[in-house]
């Protein structure tokens, strides 16, 4: 799998996973098993990432998203069960 990227100030990453299994998914929603699969999407701010995560989950109820900051610390954990609270 892809390593956690180096981020600029204010940037965040979005990671997708299968909600039932927790398996990490690439940007095409395929299970990430190869080193060359891109699993992180970079956004310039957390609000844009959160809106994107919500749009994914509203379209696909089997996905969860983790939004992390520059240090890799989780900022948001968005699931089909809690998406409406964001």
PDB file of N, CA and C in Angstrom:
ATOM      1  N   UNK A   1       0.831  -1.188   0.000  1.00  0.00           N
ATOM      2  CA  UNK A   1       0.000   0.000   0.000  1.00  0.00           C
ATOM      3  C   UNK A   1       0.873   1.248   0.000  1.00  0.00           C
ATOM      4  N   UNK A   2       0.288   2.293  -0.475  1.00  0.00           N
ATOM      5  CA  UNK A   2       0.925   3.601  -0.519  1.00  0.00           C
ATOM      6  C   UNK A   2       1.252   4.081   0.899  1.00  0.00           C
ATOM      7  N   UNK A   3       2.395   4.726   1.066  1.00  0.00           N
ATOM      8  CA  UNK A   3       2.760   5.311   2.356  1.00  0.00           C
ATOM      9  C   UNK A   3       1.971   6.594   2.575  1.00  0.00           C
ATOM     10  N   UNK A   4       1.837   6.968   3.849  1.00  0.00           N
ATOM     11  CA  UNK A   4       1.154   8.220   4.167  1.00  0.00           C
ATOM     12  C   UNK A   4       1.925   9.363   3.517  1.00  0.00           C
ATOM     13  N   UNK A   5       1.232  10.232   2.778  1.00  0.00           N
ATOM     14  CA  UNK A   5       1.927  11.286   2.032  1.00  0.00           C
ATOM     15  C   UNK A   5       2.406  12.432   2.920  1.00  0.00           C
ATOM     16  N   UNK A   6       3.396  13.154   2.420  1.00  0.00           N
ATOM     17  CA  UNK A   6       3.823  14.386   3.075  1.00  0.00           C
ATOM     18  C   UNK A   6       2.831  15.468   2.680  1.00  0.00           C
ATOM     19  N   UNK A   7       2.319  16.162   3.667  1.00  0.00           N
ATOM     20  CA  UNK A   7       1.301  17.176   3.418  1.00  0.00           C
ATOM     21  C   UNK A   7       1.838  18.567   3.708  1.00  0.00           C
ATOM     22  N   UNK A   8       1.293  19.545   2.995  1.00  0.00           N
ATOM     23  CA  UNK A   8       1.589  20.945   3.269  1.00  0.00           C
ATOM     24  C   UNK A   8       0.667  21.409   4.391  1.00  0.00           C
ATOM     25  N   UNK A   9       0.987  22.534   4.965  1.00  0.00           N
ATOM     26  CA  UNK A   9       0.189  23.110   6.046  1.00  0.00           C
ATOM     27  C   UNK A   9      -1.275  23.214   5.631  1.00  0.00           C
ATOM     28  N   UNK A  10      -2.164  22.683   6.453  1.00  0.00           N
ATOM     29  CA  UNK A  10      -3.596  22.755   6.208  1.00  0.00           C
ATOM     30  C   UNK A  10      -4.166  21.620   5.381  1.00  0.00           C
ATOM     31  N   UNK A  11      -3.318  20.878   4.687  1.00  0.00           N
ATOM     32  CA  UNK A  11      -3.814  19.774   3.868  1.00  0.00           C
ATOM     33  C   UNK A  11      -4.213  18.587   4.738  1.00  0.00           C
ATOM     34  N   UNK A  12      -5.123  17.781   4.207  1.00  0.00           N
ATOM     35  CA  UNK A  12      -5.576  16.561   4.872  1.00  0.00           C
ATOM     36  C   UNK A  12      -5.662  15.443   3.843  1.00  0.00           C
ATOM     37  N   UNK A  13      -5.731  14.214   4.340  1.00  0.00           N
ATOM     38  CA  UNK A  13      -5.929  13.067   3.461  1.00  0.00           C
ATOM     39  C   UNK A  13      -7.283  12.438   3.743  1.00  0.00           C
ATOM     40  N   UNK A  14      -7.802  11.777   2.728  1.00  0.00           N
ATOM     41  CA  UNK A  14      -9.017  10.987   2.870  1.00  0.00           C
ATOM     42  C   UNK A  14      -8.671   9.554   2.487  1.00  0.00           C
ATOM     43  N   UNK A  15      -9.019   8.636   3.359  1.00  0.00           N
ATOM     44  CA  UNK A  15      -8.800   7.207   3.151  1.00  0.00           C
ATOM     45  C   UNK A  15     -10.158   6.524   3.152  1.00  0.00           C
ATOM     46  N   UNK A  16     -10.373   5.597   2.218  1.00  0.00           N
ATOM     47  CA  UNK A  16     -11.631   4.854   2.131  1.00  0.00           C
ATOM     48  C   UNK A  16     -11.421   3.426   2.612  1.00  0.00           C
ATOM     49  N   UNK A  17     -12.473   2.864   3.206  1.00  0.00           N
ATOM     50  CA  UNK A  17     -12.423   1.464   3.620  1.00  0.00           C
ATOM     51  C   UNK A  17     -13.808   0.858   3.478  1.00  0.00           C
ATOM     52  N   UNK A  18     -13.830  -0.462   3.359  1.00  0.00           N
ATOM     53  CA  UNK A  18     -15.088  -1.198   3.332  1.00  0.00           C
ATOM     54  C   UNK A  18     -15.670  -1.150   4.740  1.00  0.00           C
ATOM     55  N   UNK A  19     -16.895  -0.689   4.873  1.00  0.00           N
ATOM     56  CA  UNK A  19     -17.492  -0.500   6.190  1.00  0.00           C
ATOM     57  C   UNK A  19     -17.655  -1.804   6.958  1.00  0.00           C
ATOM     58  N   UNK A  20     -17.957  -2.885   6.277  1.00  0.00           N
ATOM     59  CA  UNK A  20     -18.182  -4.165   6.955  1.00  0.00           C
ATOM     60  C   UNK A  20     -16.888  -4.868   7.344  1.00  0.00           C
ATOM     61  N   UNK A  21     -15.882  -4.805   6.480  1.00  0.00           N
ATOM     62  CA  UNK A  21     -14.649  -5.564   6.727  1.00  0.00           C
ATOM     63  C   UNK A  21     -13.500  -4.713   7.251  1.00  0.00           C
ATOM     64  N   UNK A  22     -13.549  -3.414   6.994  1.00  0.00           N
ATOM     65  CA  UNK A  22     -12.439  -2.542   7.366  1.00  0.00           C
ATOM     66  C   UNK A  22     -11.281  -2.573   6.388  1.00  0.00           C
ATOM     67  N   UNK A  23     -11.408  -3.343   5.315  1.00  0.00           N
ATOM     68  CA  UNK A  23     -10.332  -3.415   4.328  1.00  0.00           C
ATOM     69  C   UNK A  23     -10.163  -2.059   3.649  1.00  0.00           C
ATOM     70  N   UNK A  24      -8.927  -1.622   3.552  1.00  0.00           N
ATOM     71  CA  UNK A  24      -8.621  -0.351   2.904  1.00  0.00           C
ATOM     72  C   UNK A  24      -8.868  -0.478   1.405  1.00  0.00           C
ATOM     73  N   UNK A  25      -9.458   0.572   0.831  1.00  0.00           N
ATOM     74  CA  UNK A  25      -9.786   0.594  -0.593  1.00  0.00           C
ATOM     75  C   UNK A  25      -8.977   1.678  -1.296  1.00  0.00           C
ATOM     76  N   UNK A  26      -8.687   1.446  -2.561  1.00  0.00           N
ATOM     77  CA  UNK A  26      -7.990   2.471  -3.332  1.00  0.00           C
ATOM     78  C   UNK A  26      -8.998   3.500  -3.846  1.00  0.00           C
ATOM     79  N   UNK A  27      -8.522   4.446  -4.641  1.00  0.00           N
ATOM     80  CA  UNK A  27      -9.394   5.509  -5.134  1.00  0.00           C
ATOM     81  C   UNK A  27     -10.479   5.007  -6.084  1.00  0.00           C
ATOM     82  N   UNK A  28     -10.336   3.772  -6.570  1.00  0.00           N
ATOM     83  CA  UNK A  28     -11.344   3.163  -7.443  1.00  0.00           C
ATOM     84  C   UNK A  28     -12.254   2.204  -6.672  1.00  0.00           C
ATOM     85  N   UNK A  29     -12.139   2.217  -5.346  1.00  0.00           N
ATOM     86  CA  UNK A  29     -12.933   1.383  -4.443  1.00  0.00           C
ATOM     87  C   UNK A  29     -12.610  -0.100  -4.573  1.00  0.00           C
ATOM     88  N   UNK A  30     -11.386  -0.407  -4.961  1.00  0.00           N
ATOM     89  CA  UNK A  30     -10.918  -1.795  -5.005  1.00  0.00           C
ATOM     90  C   UNK A  30     -10.038  -2.039  -3.788  1.00  0.00           C
ATOM     91  N   UNK A  31     -10.101  -3.256  -3.249  1.00  0.00           N
ATOM     92  CA  UNK A  31      -9.302  -3.576  -2.073  1.00  0.00           C
ATOM     93  C   UNK A  31      -7.824  -3.336  -2.364  1.00  0.00           C
ATOM     94  N   UNK A  32      -7.174  -2.605  -1.480  1.00  0.00           N
ATOM     95  CA  UNK A  32      -5.771  -2.240  -1.675  1.00  0.00           C
ATOM     96  C   UNK A  32      -4.868  -3.372  -1.197  1.00  0.00           C
ATOM     97  N   UNK A  33      -4.255  -4.037  -2.152  1.00  0.00           N
ATOM     98  CA  UNK A  33      -3.365  -5.151  -1.831  1.00  0.00           C
ATOM     99  C   UNK A  33      -1.992  -4.990  -2.477  1.00  0.00           C
ATOM    100  N   UNK A  34      -1.854  -4.013  -3.371  1.00  0.00           N
ATOM    101  CA  UNK A  34      -0.595  -3.809  -4.082  1.00  0.00           C
ATOM    102  C   UNK A  34       0.025  -2.475  -3.684  1.00  0.00           C
ATOM    103  N   UNK A  35       1.347  -2.410  -3.729  1.00  0.00           N
ATOM    104  CA  UNK A  35       2.077  -1.210  -3.322  1.00  0.00           C
ATOM    105  C   UNK A  35       1.770  -0.002  -4.197  1.00  0.00           C
ATOM    106  N   UNK A  36       1.380  -0.220  -5.438  1.00  0.00           N
ATOM    107  CA  UNK A  36       1.171   0.903  -6.350  1.00  0.00           C
ATOM    108  C   UNK A  36      -0.261   1.452  -6.351  1.00  0.00           C
ATOM    109  N   UNK A  37      -1.127   0.895  -5.529  1.00  0.00           N
ATOM    110  CA  UNK A  37      -2.497   1.399  -5.463  1.00  0.00           C
ATOM    111  C   UNK A  37      -2.537   2.681  -4.631  1.00  0.00           C
ATOM    112  N   UNK A  38      -3.221   3.690  -5.146  1.00  0.00           N
ATOM    113  CA  UNK A  38      -3.346   4.960  -4.435  1.00  0.00           C
ATOM    114  C   UNK A  38      -4.530   4.888  -3.477  1.00  0.00           C
ATOM    115  N   UNK A  39      -4.231   5.034  -2.194  1.00  0.00           N
ATOM    116  CA  UNK A  39      -5.284   4.934  -1.188  1.00  0.00           C
ATOM    117  C   UNK A  39      -5.608   6.274  -0.536  1.00  0.00           C
ATOM    118  N   UNK A  40      -4.745   7.253  -0.708  1.00  0.00           N
ATOM    119  CA  UNK A  40      -4.966   8.567  -0.103  1.00  0.00           C
ATOM    120  C   UNK A  40      -5.341   9.589  -1.169  1.00  0.00           C
ATOM    121  N   UNK A  41      -6.356  10.381  -0.865  1.00  0.00           N
ATOM    122  CA  UNK A  41      -6.701  11.534  -1.677  1.00  0.00           C
ATOM    123  C   UNK A  41      -6.393  12.758  -0.829  1.00  0.00           C
ATOM    124  N   UNK A  42      -5.656  13.697  -1.396  1.00  0.00           N
ATOM    125  CA  UNK A  42      -5.236  14.886  -0.656  1.00  0.00           C
ATOM    126  C   UNK A  42      -6.177  16.049  -0.967  1.00  0.00           C
ATOM    127  N   UNK A  43      -6.561  16.755   0.093  1.00  0.00           N
ATOM    128  CA  UNK A  43      -7.401  17.947  -0.023  1.00  0.00           C
ATOM    129  C   UNK A  43      -6.685  19.116   0.641  1.00  0.00           C
ATOM    130  N   UNK A  44      -6.977  20.315   0.165  1.00  0.00           N
ATOM    131  CA  UNK A  44      -6.338  21.506   0.721  1.00  0.00           C
ATOM    132  C   UNK A  44      -6.909  21.921   2.070  1.00  0.00           C
ATOM    133  N   UNK A  45      -8.092  21.422   2.411  1.00  0.00           N
ATOM    134  CA  UNK A  45      -8.634  21.702   3.742  1.00  0.00           C
ATOM    135  C   UNK A  45      -9.616  20.606   4.155  1.00  0.00           C
ATOM    136  N   UNK A  46      -9.871  20.551   5.448  1.00  0.00           N
ATOM    137  CA  UNK A  46     -10.692  19.467   5.994  1.00  0.00           C
ATOM    138  C   UNK A  46     -12.156  19.567   5.590  1.00  0.00           C
ATOM    139  N   UNK A  47     -12.656  20.780   5.329  1.00  0.00           N
ATOM    140  CA  UNK A  47     -14.057  20.924   4.944  1.00  0.00           C
ATOM    141  C   UNK A  47     -14.334  20.320   3.569  1.00  0.00           C
ATOM    142  N   UNK A  48     -13.417  20.535   2.632  1.00  0.00           N
ATOM    143  CA  UNK A  48     -13.573  19.935   1.300  1.00  0.00           C
ATOM    144  C   UNK A  48     -13.507  18.415   1.388  1.00  0.00           C
ATOM    145  N   UNK A  49     -12.601  17.917   2.212  1.00  0.00           N
ATOM    146  CA  UNK A  49     -12.478  16.464   2.390  1.00  0.00           C
ATOM    147  C   UNK A  49     -13.741  15.888   3.019  1.00  0.00           C
ATOM    148  N   UNK A  50     -14.283  16.581   3.998  1.00  0.00           N
ATOM    149  CA  UNK A  50     -15.496  16.108   4.660  1.00  0.00           C
ATOM    150  C   UNK A  50     -16.676  16.082   3.690  1.00  0.00           C
ATOM    151  N   UNK A  51     -16.828  17.095   2.877  1.00  0.00           N
ATOM    152  CA  UNK A  51     -17.912  17.108   1.893  1.00  0.00           C
ATOM    153  C   UNK A  51     -17.764  15.958   0.896  1.00  0.00           C
ATOM    154  N   UNK A  52     -16.520  15.688   0.489  1.00  0.00           N
ATOM    155  CA  UNK A  52     -16.272  14.588  -0.438  1.00  0.00           C
ATOM    156  C   UNK A  52     -16.600  13.248   0.221  1.00  0.00           C
ATOM    157  N   UNK A  53     -16.191  13.080   1.471  1.00  0.00           N
ATOM    158  CA  UNK A  53     -16.491  11.844   2.203  1.00  0.00           C
ATOM    159  C   UNK A  53     -17.999  11.636   2.310  1.00  0.00           C
ATOM    160  N   UNK A  54     -18.717  12.684   2.638  1.00  0.00           N
ATOM    161  CA  UNK A  54     -20.170  12.584   2.746  1.00  0.00           C
ATOM    162  C   UNK A  54     -20.797  12.182   1.415  1.00  0.00           C
ATOM    163  N   UNK A  55     -20.302  12.753   0.321  1.00  0.00           N
ATOM    164  CA  UNK A  55     -20.869  12.408  -0.988  1.00  0.00           C
ATOM    165  C   UNK A  55     -20.612  10.945  -1.334  1.00  0.00           C
ATOM    166  N   UNK A  56     -19.456  10.430  -0.957  1.00  0.00           N
ATOM    167  CA  UNK A  56     -19.153   9.011  -1.180  1.00  0.00           C
ATOM    168  C   UNK A  56     -20.126   8.140  -0.399  1.00  0.00           C
ATOM    169  N   UNK A  57     -20.285   8.453   0.869  1.00  0.00           N
ATOM    170  CA  UNK A  57     -21.087   7.599   1.744  1.00  0.00           C
ATOM    171  C   UNK A  57     -22.573   7.679   1.405  1.00  0.00           C
ATOM    172  N   UNK A  58     -23.060   8.850   1.017  1.00  0.00           N
ATOM    173  CA  UNK A  58     -24.463   8.939   0.596  1.00  0.00           C
ATOM    174  C   UNK A  58     -24.710   8.132  -0.675  1.00  0.00           C
ATOM    175  N   UNK A  59     -23.698   8.042  -1.529  1.00  0.00           N
ATOM    176  CA  UNK A  59     -23.835   7.273  -2.771  1.00  0.00           C
ATOM    177  C   UNK A  59     -23.609   5.781  -2.560  1.00  0.00           C
ATOM    178  N   UNK A  60     -22.757   5.450  -1.588  1.00  0.00           N
ATOM    179  CA  UNK A  60     -22.381   4.051  -1.347  1.00  0.00           C
ATOM    180  C   UNK A  60     -22.421   3.776   0.147  1.00  0.00           C
ATOM    181  N   UNK A  61     -23.391   3.052   0.588  1.00  0.00           N
ATOM    182  CA  UNK A  61     -23.580   2.788   2.017  1.00  0.00           C
ATOM    183  C   UNK A  61     -22.602   1.758   2.587  1.00  0.00           C
ATOM    184  N   UNK A  62     -21.710   1.223   1.748  1.00  0.00           N
ATOM    185  CA  UNK A  62     -20.767   0.200   2.203  1.00  0.00           C
ATOM    186  C   UNK A  62     -19.359   0.753   2.426  1.00  0.00           C
ATOM    187  N   UNK A  63     -19.221   2.080   2.438  1.00  0.00           N
ATOM    188  CA  UNK A  63     -17.912   2.716   2.552  1.00  0.00           C
ATOM    189  C   UNK A  63     -17.846   3.546   3.829  1.00  0.00           C
ATOM    190  N   UNK A  64     -16.665   3.577   4.447  1.00  0.00           N
ATOM    191  CA  UNK A  64     -16.377   4.496   5.539  1.00  0.00           C
ATOM    192  C   UNK A  64     -15.139   5.288   5.141  1.00  0.00           C
ATOM    193  N   UNK A  65     -14.998   6.483   5.680  1.00  0.00           N
ATOM    194  CA  UNK A  65     -13.864   7.338   5.326  1.00  0.00           C
ATOM    195  C   UNK A  65     -13.184   7.860   6.581  1.00  0.00           C
ATOM    196  N   UNK A  66     -11.864   7.948   6.506  1.00  0.00           N
ATOM    197  CA  UNK A  66     -11.065   8.540   7.571  1.00  0.00           C
ATOM    198  C   UNK A  66     -10.350   9.745   6.978  1.00  0.00           C
ATOM    199  N   UNK A  67     -10.502  10.875   7.633  1.00  0.00           N
ATOM    200  CA  UNK A  67      -9.807  12.094   7.223  1.00  0.00           C
ATOM    201  C   UNK A  67      -8.742  12.372   8.274  1.00  0.00           C
ATOM    202  N   UNK A  68      -7.504  12.496   7.808  1.00  0.00           N
ATOM    203  CA  UNK A  68      -6.362  12.670   8.711  1.00  0.00           C
ATOM    204  C   UNK A  68      -5.595  13.930   8.361  1.00  0.00           C
ATOM    205  N   UNK A  69      -4.958  14.497   9.391  1.00  0.00           N
ATOM    206  CA  UNK A  69      -4.166  15.702   9.212  1.00  0.00           C
ATOM    207  C   UNK A  69      -2.718  15.408   8.886  1.00  0.00           C
ATOM    208  N   UNK A  70      -1.926  16.461   8.907  1.00  0.00           N
ATOM    209  CA  UNK A  70      -0.531  16.422   8.497  1.00  0.00           C
ATOM    210  C   UNK A  70       0.292  15.411   9.288  1.00  0.00           C
ATOM    211  N   UNK A  71      -0.034  15.229  10.541  1.00  0.00           N
ATOM    212  CA  UNK A  71       0.710  14.295  11.387  1.00  0.00           C
ATOM    213  C   UNK A  71       0.150  12.874  11.342  1.00  0.00           C
ATOM    214  N   UNK A  72      -0.871  12.652  10.531  1.00  0.00           N
ATOM    215  CA  UNK A  72      -1.487  11.337  10.423  1.00  0.00           C
ATOM    216  C   UNK A  72      -2.598  11.098  11.427  1.00  0.00           C
ATOM    217  N   UNK A  73      -2.825  12.068  12.306  1.00  0.00           N
ATOM    218  CA  UNK A  73      -3.866  11.923  13.323  1.00  0.00           C
ATOM    219  C   UNK A  73      -5.251  12.077  12.699  1.00  0.00           C
ATOM    220  N   UNK A  74      -6.167  11.210  13.106  1.00  0.00           N
ATOM    221  CA  UNK A  74      -7.523  11.228  12.567  1.00  0.00           C
ATOM    222  C   UNK A  74      -8.261  12.490  13.008  1.00  0.00           C
ATOM    223  N   UNK A  75      -8.880  13.154  12.032  1.00  0.00           N
ATOM    224  CA  UNK A  75      -9.700  14.337  12.299  1.00  0.00           C
ATOM    225  C   UNK A  75     -11.175  13.954  12.288  1.00  0.00           C
ATOM    226  N   UNK A  76     -11.587  13.195  11.263  1.00  0.00           N
ATOM    227  CA  UNK A  76     -12.972  12.743  11.132  1.00  0.00           C
ATOM    228  C   UNK A  76     -12.996  11.265  10.763  1.00  0.00           C
ATOM    229  N   UNK A  77     -13.973  10.566  11.333  1.00  0.00           N
ATOM    230  CA  UNK A  77     -14.271   9.184  10.960  1.00  0.00           C
ATOM    231  C   UNK A  77     -15.730   9.192  10.527  1.00  0.00           C
ATOM    232  N   UNK A  78     -15.970   9.057   9.230  1.00  0.00           N
ATOM    233  CA  UNK A  78     -17.314   9.203   8.675  1.00  0.00           C
ATOM    234  C   UNK A  78     -17.803   7.848   8.181  1.00  0.00           C
ATOM    235  N   UNK A  79     -18.954   7.431   8.691  1.00  0.00           N
ATOM    236  CA  UNK A  79     -19.522   6.126   8.353  1.00  0.00           C
ATOM    237  C   UNK A  79     -20.974   6.302   7.901  1.00  0.00           C
ATOM    238  N   UNK A  80     -21.563   5.257   7.330  1.00  0.00           N
ATOM    239  CA  UNK A  80     -22.991   5.338   6.992  1.00  0.00           C
ATOM    240  C   UNK A  80     -23.860   5.614   8.222  1.00  0.00           C
ATOM    241  N   UNK A  81     -23.392   5.228   9.392  1.00  0.00           N
ATOM    242  CA  UNK A  81     -24.177   5.407  10.612  1.00  0.00           C
ATOM    243  C   UNK A  81     -24.099   6.819  11.184  1.00  0.00           C
ATOM    244  N   UNK A  82     -22.985   7.542  10.932  1.00  0.00           N
ATOM    245  CA  UNK A  82     -22.857   8.865  11.538  1.00  0.00           C
ATOM    246  C   UNK A  82     -22.793  10.011  10.531  1.00  0.00           C
ATOM    247  N   UNK A  83     -22.900   9.724   9.244  1.00  0.00           N
ATOM    248  CA  UNK A  83     -22.717  10.751   8.212  1.00  0.00           C
ATOM    249  C   UNK A  83     -23.672  11.932   8.381  1.00  0.00           C
ATOM    250  N   UNK A  84     -24.875  11.693   8.825  1.00  0.00           N
ATOM    251  CA  UNK A  84     -25.853  12.774   8.969  1.00  0.00           C
ATOM    252  C   UNK A  84     -25.479  13.760  10.071  1.00  0.00           C
ATOM    253  N   UNK A  85     -24.600  13.374  10.973  1.00  0.00           N
ATOM    254  CA  UNK A  85     -24.215  14.258  12.075  1.00  0.00           C
ATOM    255  C   UNK A  85     -23.150  15.278  11.675  1.00  0.00           C
ATOM    256  N   UNK A  86     -22.625  15.160  10.467  1.00  0.00           N
ATOM    257  CA  UNK A  86     -21.585  16.096  10.020  1.00  0.00           C
ATOM    258  C   UNK A  86     -22.187  17.212   9.189  1.00  0.00           C
TER     259      UNK A  86
END
